[in-house]
């Protein structure tokens, strides 16, 4: 079997439930449209990977996305628990190198994911740092519970706290290129993803006037 697995965490695209910070500026419909485009970017980035894929939706499986890939629903009380459970299942099923990504990164590419898998040949853990202090990718060669338990999710010092604990436990890790996810309108405006998508710009600008 393939020894490498890519897990993708996807929020179900529901009006008023995605990109809530962004929605404060561009409204729920604008946030919905932006997140819909980001999911397309993620789907394209993972389309031609050699590794196996498992797509974990937040609420319900959407069969029109990742059509030929394994799809299921996230399980757990918080983000850490949900991610940990997905890793545990992957390792139980025989995978040796697993990376997990989210679905709100405008600049994610197959290269970032493949670099993460490659890094696991020489390290126990790999992170793709996000500009906001979190991370867009986490990978490991076995389930390290310290990464997921009692962590400040959605806080600006998440990665810093996590790396400090790994250092204390002598768990080797490496870092990939830092990328910016989109949480605010400023993030959106500064992204080439938005600047190069005229249709999305027109949609958002028309919606801002009505917020």
Protein backbone atom coordinates (compact mmCIF):
# COMPACT_ATOMS: atom_id res chain seq x y z
CA UNK A 1 0.00 0.00 0.00
CA UNK A 2 0.96 3.66 -0.29
CA UNK A 3 2.79 4.71 2.89
CA UNK A 4 1.97 8.41 2.54
CA UNK A 5 -1.35 10.05 3.36
CA UNK A 6 -2.64 13.60 2.95
CA UNK A 7 -5.56 14.61 5.15
CA UNK A 8 -7.59 17.66 4.17
CA UNK A 9 -9.85 19.35 6.73
CA UNK A 10 -12.75 21.19 5.09
CA UNK A 11 -15.44 23.29 6.70
CA UNK A 12 -18.81 22.71 5.08
CA UNK A 13 -19.54 25.82 3.04
CA UNK A 14 -22.58 27.27 4.79
CA UNK A 15 -23.77 30.85 4.75
CA UNK A 16 -22.90 32.53 8.05
CA UNK A 17 -20.67 29.65 9.20
CA UNK A 18 -17.39 30.25 7.33
CA UNK A 19 -14.81 33.03 7.62
CA UNK A 20 -16.79 34.86 10.28
CA UNK A 21 -14.07 37.48 10.89
CA UNK A 22 -13.97 38.26 7.19
CA UNK A 23 -17.77 38.41 7.14
CA UNK A 24 -17.71 41.41 9.50
CA UNK A 25 -16.34 43.47 6.60
CA UNK A 26 -17.76 41.84 3.49
CA UNK A 27 -20.88 40.15 4.88
CA UNK A 28 -21.84 36.49 5.09
CA UNK A 29 -22.37 36.14 1.34
CA UNK A 30 -18.94 37.60 0.61
CA UNK A 31 -17.27 35.28 3.12
CA UNK A 32 -19.17 32.36 1.60
CA UNK A 33 -17.95 33.27 -1.91
CA UNK A 34 -14.34 33.70 -0.76
CA UNK A 35 -14.28 30.41 1.11
CA UNK A 36 -15.86 28.62 -1.85
CA UNK A 37 -12.95 29.82 -4.00
CA UNK A 38 -10.38 28.80 -1.38
CA UNK A 39 -11.78 25.27 -1.28
CA UNK A 40 -11.37 25.11 -5.07
CA UNK A 41 -7.70 26.14 -4.67
CA UNK A 42 -7.19 23.37 -2.10
CA UNK A 43 -8.89 20.81 -4.30
CA UNK A 44 -6.64 21.73 -7.24
CA UNK A 45 -3.49 21.63 -5.06
CA UNK A 46 -4.27 18.09 -3.95
CA UNK A 47 -5.61 16.77 -7.23
CA UNK A 48 -2.49 15.12 -8.67
CA UNK A 49 -0.65 14.02 -5.53
CA UNK A 50 0.83 10.53 -5.50
CA UNK A 51 -0.07 10.11 -1.82
CA UNK A 52 -3.44 8.76 -0.74
CA UNK A 53 -5.99 11.35 0.36
CA UNK A 54 -8.69 11.50 2.99
CA UNK A 55 -11.06 14.44 3.07
CA UNK A 56 -12.59 15.28 6.44
CA UNK A 57 -15.66 17.54 6.33
CA UNK A 58 -16.83 19.45 9.41
CA UNK A 59 -20.50 18.45 9.27
CA UNK A 60 -21.51 16.41 6.25
CA UNK A 61 -19.80 14.75 3.29
CA UNK A 62 -20.12 16.70 0.02
CA UNK A 63 -19.93 14.22 -2.82
CA UNK A 64 -19.34 16.87 -5.50
CA UNK A 65 -15.93 17.71 -3.96
CA UNK A 66 -12.85 15.46 -4.28
CA UNK A 67 -15.01 13.11 -6.32
CA UNK A 68 -12.74 10.05 -6.40
CA UNK A 69 -11.26 10.38 -2.89
CA UNK A 70 -12.17 8.95 0.49
CA UNK A 71 -14.45 11.33 2.39
CA UNK A 72 -15.70 11.31 5.97
CA UNK A 73 -16.66 13.61 8.86
CA UNK A 74 -14.37 15.06 11.55
CA UNK A 75 -14.83 13.64 15.05
CA UNK A 76 -13.94 15.42 18.30
CA UNK A 77 -14.88 18.24 20.64
CA UNK A 78 -12.31 20.75 19.38
CA UNK A 79 -9.90 21.21 16.49
CA UNK A 80 -7.03 19.46 18.29
CA UNK A 81 -9.12 16.42 19.06
CA UNK A 82 -10.49 16.24 15.52
CA UNK A 83 -7.03 16.42 13.97
CA UNK A 84 -5.58 13.92 16.43
CA UNK A 85 -8.35 11.42 15.69
CA UNK A 86 -7.69 11.71 11.95
CA UNK A 87 -3.97 11.05 12.45
CA UNK A 88 -4.62 8.11 14.79
CA UNK A 89 -6.89 6.48 12.20
CA UNK A 90 -4.32 7.00 9.45
CA UNK A 91 -1.50 5.40 11.43
CA UNK A 92 -3.76 2.55 12.55
CA UNK A 93 -4.42 1.87 8.86
CA UNK A 94 -0.71 1.50 8.14
CA UNK A 95 0.42 4.87 6.82
CA UNK A 96 3.94 5.92 7.85
CA UNK A 97 4.03 9.59 6.86
CA UNK A 98 0.92 11.75 7.18
CA UNK A 99 0.38 15.45 6.61
CA UNK A 100 -2.80 17.39 7.32
CA UNK A 101 -3.79 20.72 5.75
CA UNK A 102 -6.74 23.06 6.05
CA UNK A 103 -8.72 24.50 3.16
CA UNK A 104 -8.42 28.28 3.50
CA UNK A 105 -4.98 28.94 2.05
CA UNK A 106 -4.88 30.99 -1.15
CA UNK A 107 -1.25 30.10 -1.95
CA UNK A 108 -1.20 26.39 -1.10
CA UNK A 109 0.23 24.20 -3.84
CA UNK A 110 1.12 20.58 -4.36
CA UNK A 111 4.77 21.55 -3.77
CA UNK A 112 4.07 22.59 -0.17
CA UNK A 113 2.32 19.30 0.53
CA UNK A 114 4.99 17.18 -1.17
CA UNK A 115 7.72 19.09 0.69
CA UNK A 116 5.92 18.28 3.94
CA UNK A 117 5.86 14.56 3.15
CA UNK A 118 9.50 14.63 2.07
CA UNK A 119 10.52 16.36 5.33
CA UNK A 120 9.08 13.45 7.30
CA UNK A 121 11.75 11.14 5.90
CA UNK A 122 14.26 12.87 8.19
CA UNK A 123 12.11 14.43 10.93
CA UNK A 124 9.39 13.27 13.30
CA UNK A 125 7.22 16.32 12.72
CA UNK A 126 6.83 19.09 10.13
CA UNK A 127 4.86 22.34 10.26
CA UNK A 128 3.91 24.84 7.61
CA UNK A 129 3.80 28.09 9.63
CA UNK A 130 1.07 30.62 9.01
CA UNK A 131 1.67 34.37 9.26
CA UNK A 132 -0.90 34.64 12.06
CA UNK A 133 1.15 32.43 14.40
CA UNK A 134 -0.64 29.17 13.71
CA UNK A 135 0.12 26.65 11.00
CA UNK A 136 -1.43 25.59 7.71
CA UNK A 137 0.17 22.14 7.59
CA UNK A 138 1.18 19.62 10.21
CA UNK A 139 2.76 16.26 9.49
CA UNK A 140 4.22 13.45 11.54
CA UNK A 141 5.53 9.90 11.49
CA UNK A 142 3.42 8.81 14.49
CA UNK A 143 0.75 10.48 16.60
CA UNK A 144 2.36 12.96 18.98
CA UNK A 145 -0.41 13.81 21.42
CA UNK A 146 1.51 16.86 22.70
CA UNK A 147 0.77 18.66 19.44
CA UNK A 148 -2.98 18.45 19.96
CA UNK A 149 -3.67 18.43 23.69
CA UNK A 150 -4.31 21.64 25.66
CA UNK A 151 -3.23 24.02 22.93
CA UNK A 152 -4.33 27.67 22.39
CA UNK A 153 -6.28 27.10 19.17
CA UNK A 154 -6.85 30.23 17.06
CA UNK A 155 -4.36 32.19 19.17
CA UNK A 156 -1.31 33.99 17.74
CA UNK A 157 1.16 31.95 19.82
CA UNK A 158 -0.14 28.48 18.88
CA UNK A 159 2.91 27.38 16.90
CA UNK A 160 5.35 28.94 19.37
CA UNK A 161 3.79 27.04 22.29
CA UNK A 162 3.70 23.81 20.29
CA UNK A 163 7.34 24.00 19.22
CA UNK A 164 8.45 24.76 22.78
CA UNK A 165 6.76 21.60 24.01
CA UNK A 166 8.32 19.52 21.23
CA UNK A 167 11.75 20.90 22.17
CA UNK A 168 11.16 19.92 25.79
CA UNK A 169 10.26 16.38 24.70
CA UNK A 170 13.18 16.12 22.25
CA UNK A 171 10.88 15.50 19.29
CA UNK A 172 12.56 16.54 16.04
CA UNK A 173 10.71 18.88 13.69
CA UNK A 174 11.29 21.12 10.72
CA UNK A 175 9.45 24.08 9.23
CA UNK A 176 8.28 24.77 5.69
CA UNK A 177 7.72 28.11 3.97
CA UNK A 178 5.47 30.52 5.86
CA UNK A 179 2.13 31.25 4.16
CA UNK A 180 -0.72 33.62 4.89
CA UNK A 181 -4.25 32.37 5.35
CA UNK A 182 -7.24 34.63 4.93
CA UNK A 183 -9.05 35.67 8.09
CA UNK A 184 -9.60 39.40 7.55
CA UNK A 185 -10.38 41.72 4.66
CA UNK A 186 -6.80 43.02 4.82
CA UNK A 187 -5.53 39.45 4.34
CA UNK A 188 -7.84 39.11 1.36
CA UNK A 189 -6.84 42.40 -0.27
CA UNK A 190 -3.13 41.61 0.07
CA UNK A 191 -3.38 38.16 -1.51
CA UNK A 192 -2.54 37.52 -5.16
CA UNK A 193 -5.39 35.01 -5.05
CA UNK A 194 -7.80 37.96 -4.74
CA UNK A 195 -5.88 40.46 -6.86
CA UNK A 196 -5.88 38.05 -9.82
CA UNK A 197 -9.53 37.01 -9.48
CA UNK A 198 -11.53 39.83 -11.05
CA UNK A 199 -14.85 38.02 -10.79
CA UNK A 200 -14.39 37.56 -7.04
CA UNK A 201 -13.34 41.20 -6.64
CA UNK A 202 -16.49 42.41 -8.36
CA UNK A 203 -18.65 40.17 -6.18
CA UNK A 204 -16.99 41.32 -2.97
CA UNK A 205 -17.03 45.02 -3.85
CA UNK A 206 -20.73 44.90 -4.60
CA UNK A 207 -21.40 43.16 -1.31
CA UNK A 208 -19.31 45.54 0.82
CA UNK A 209 -21.64 48.37 -0.18
CA UNK A 210 -24.52 46.46 1.39
CA UNK A 211 -22.84 45.48 4.68
